Protein backbone atom coordinates (compact mmCIF):
# COMPACT_ATOMS: atom_id res chain seq x y z
CA MET A 1 54.38 86.26 55.88
CA HIS A 2 56.71 83.82 55.99
CA ARG A 3 55.29 80.80 57.70
CA VAL A 4 51.52 80.40 57.42
CA VAL A 5 49.11 76.99 58.14
CA CYS A 6 46.64 75.53 55.47
CA PRO A 7 44.45 73.43 57.88
CA GLY A 8 41.64 70.93 57.37
CA SER A 9 40.47 67.76 57.39
CA PHE A 10 41.95 65.97 54.65
CA ASP A 11 40.36 62.64 54.60
CA PRO A 12 40.91 61.91 52.60
CA VAL A 13 43.84 64.67 50.56
CA THR A 14 42.26 65.00 47.47
CA TYR A 15 44.59 66.60 44.05
CA GLY A 16 42.49 69.63 45.13
CA HIS A 17 44.10 69.74 48.79
CA LEU A 18 47.12 69.76 46.86
CA ASP A 19 46.53 72.38 43.99
CA ILE A 20 45.89 74.80 47.28
CA ILE A 21 48.65 73.59 49.33
CA GLY A 22 51.40 73.62 46.16
CA ARG A 23 50.87 76.63 45.68
CA ALA A 24 50.99 77.79 48.86
CA ALA A 25 54.75 76.56 48.77
CA ALA A 26 55.65 78.46 46.53
CA LEU A 27 54.34 81.83 47.60
CA PHE A 28 55.44 81.17 50.93
CA ASP A 29 58.68 80.10 53.25
CA GLU A 30 57.51 77.52 55.22
CA VAL A 31 53.58 76.14 54.94
CA VAL A 32 52.04 74.04 57.83
CA VAL A 33 49.06 71.82 56.96
CA ALA A 34 47.28 71.09 59.83
CA VAL A 35 45.36 67.95 59.79
CA GLY A 36 42.96 68.65 62.14
CA THR A 37 39.42 66.56 63.41
CA ASN A 38 36.01 67.91 62.76
CA THR A 39 33.14 66.48 64.41
CA SER A 40 30.77 67.48 62.18
CA LYS A 41 31.83 65.65 59.64
CA SER A 42 32.14 61.16 59.87
CA GLY A 43 35.46 60.06 57.86
CA LEU A 44 37.01 56.73 57.14
CA PHE A 45 40.48 57.57 58.92
CA ASP A 46 41.83 58.04 61.87
CA VAL A 47 44.40 61.73 62.32
CA ASP A 48 47.55 59.37 62.64
CA GLU A 49 46.33 58.05 58.62
CA ARG A 50 45.90 61.50 57.96
CA VAL A 51 48.63 62.66 58.19
CA GLU A 52 50.20 59.99 56.78
CA MET A 53 49.17 60.43 53.51
CA VAL A 54 49.06 63.81 53.72
CA GLN A 55 53.03 63.98 53.75
CA GLY A 56 53.10 61.38 50.58
CA ALA A 57 51.12 63.53 48.85
CA CYS A 58 53.28 66.59 50.12
CA ALA A 59 57.16 65.04 49.64
CA GLU A 60 57.67 67.07 46.66
CA TRP A 61 57.50 70.15 48.53
CA SER A 62 60.66 70.97 51.03
CA ASN A 63 58.82 73.27 52.73
CA VAL A 64 56.19 72.11 53.38
CA GLU A 65 55.71 70.27 56.72
CA VAL A 66 53.05 68.63 58.75
CA ASP A 67 50.95 67.91 62.05
CA THR A 68 48.49 67.93 64.28
CA PHE A 69 46.04 70.16 65.11
CA SER A 70 43.19 70.99 67.35
CA GLY A 71 41.25 73.31 69.42
CA LEU A 72 40.96 77.59 68.18
CA LEU A 73 43.10 77.96 64.82
CA VAL A 74 43.96 81.31 66.03
CA ASP A 75 46.14 79.05 68.95
CA TYR A 76 47.03 77.15 65.90
CA CYS A 77 48.74 79.50 64.58
CA ARG A 78 50.15 81.22 67.13
CA ASP A 79 52.03 77.98 68.31
CA VAL A 80 53.33 77.58 65.33
CA GLY A 81 54.17 81.22 64.52
CA ALA A 82 52.24 81.14 61.44
CA GLY A 83 51.12 84.85 60.34
CA GLY A 84 48.50 83.38 58.30
CA VAL A 85 46.13 80.80 56.84
CA VAL A 86 45.50 79.87 53.26
CA LYS A 87 42.27 78.53 52.78
CA GLY A 88 40.52 77.14 48.77
CA LEU A 89 38.00 78.61 47.94
CA ARG A 90 35.96 76.17 45.17
CA SER A 91 32.59 78.25 45.58
CA ALA A 92 31.30 81.49 46.32
CA GLY A 93 29.43 78.89 48.57
CA ASP A 94 32.56 77.51 50.17
CA PHE A 95 33.48 82.32 50.27
CA GLU A 96 30.66 82.48 52.59
CA TYR A 97 31.40 80.07 55.16
CA GLU A 98 34.76 80.46 55.01
CA LEU A 99 34.99 84.58 55.10
CA PRO A 100 33.40 84.86 58.77
CA MET A 101 35.24 83.21 59.94
CA ALA A 102 38.27 84.55 58.52
CA HIS A 103 36.86 87.70 59.84
CA MET A 104 36.25 85.46 63.12
CA ASN A 105 40.11 84.38 63.07
CA THR A 106 41.40 88.59 62.38
CA GLN A 107 39.17 89.57 65.36
CA LEU A 108 40.96 87.09 68.12
CA SER A 109 44.22 87.64 66.81
CA GLY A 110 45.09 89.57 63.92
CA LEU A 111 45.70 86.80 62.33
CA GLU A 112 45.66 87.49 58.40
CA THR A 113 43.28 84.72 55.90
CA VAL A 114 44.69 84.38 51.78
CA PHE A 115 42.44 82.72 49.23
CA LEU A 116 43.11 81.22 46.67
CA PRO A 117 40.71 79.73 44.10
CA THR A 118 41.49 76.00 43.53
CA ALA A 119 42.19 75.27 39.73
CA ALA A 120 38.70 74.79 37.76
CA GLN A 121 39.51 71.16 37.22
CA TRP A 122 39.21 69.97 40.30
CA GLY A 123 36.01 73.16 41.60
CA HIS A 124 33.92 70.38 42.22
CA VAL A 125 36.65 67.67 43.98
CA SER A 126 35.55 67.87 48.03
CA SER A 127 36.64 64.23 49.97
CA THR A 128 33.14 64.04 50.91
CA LEU A 129 32.84 63.08 47.40
CA VAL A 130 34.94 61.37 47.34
CA ARG A 131 34.60 58.96 50.10
CA GLU A 132 30.79 58.57 48.86
CA ILE A 133 32.11 57.66 44.93
CA ALA A 134 34.13 55.05 46.70
CA LYS A 135 31.54 53.48 49.04
CA LEU A 136 29.79 53.11 46.38
CA GLY A 137 32.87 51.14 44.24
CA GLY A 138 33.00 54.17 41.93
CA ASP A 139 36.63 55.45 40.76
CA VAL A 140 38.56 58.13 42.09
CA THR A 141 41.63 57.73 40.80
CA ALA A 142 41.69 60.38 39.61
CA PHE A 143 41.25 62.63 42.24
CA LEU A 144 43.60 61.42 44.59
CA PRO A 145 47.17 60.52 44.86
CA GLU A 146 48.00 56.77 43.92
CA ASP A 147 48.37 55.16 47.23
CA VAL A 148 45.55 57.61 49.07
CA ALA A 149 42.83 56.36 46.15
CA ARG A 150 43.97 52.43 47.12
CA ARG A 151 44.18 53.14 50.94
CA THR A 152 40.08 55.49 49.90
CA VAL A 153 39.06 52.32 48.19
CA GLU A 154 39.81 49.87 50.79
CA ARG A 155 38.90 51.42 53.63
CA ALA A 156 35.33 52.67 51.75
CA GLN A 157 34.98 49.35 50.75
CA GLN A 158 35.01 47.69 54.69
CA GLY A 159 33.04 50.23 55.89
CA SER A 160 29.80 48.73 53.46
CA ALA A 161 30.29 45.58 54.51
CA SER A 162 29.53 45.77 57.47
């Protein structure tokens, strides 16, 4: 597999995401970080803002590109010539959630999924928790790159002021 896709909402992109992206970049020739929309999640940032933040956070990896996608992941992977998907796993719950999707993607298109365990230091970090901490005025700088943390706090505080 030369090209893989790391899909997600990345709202916001965390150090846990970057751990998986960086490790994928070391394993594969090309990594496409596919920023999608998930209607079941209420987020802080629109897709363009998330793409901009992910691009900045991934600038150190020359073999990583950032794109947007909607619709079926298997269709997107076919369109960009990716042979597989890389997903990070924080817990057994993530595995239980991701495994049926991986099986379905394989059955639909032959697409392979590679699961990478998140580094232990990031196993408890999720974008949802980080957004909640920021909305309640907590410090999120340990979980997010500097620019992303600043933007997350600003946006979360705007939302809580309404």
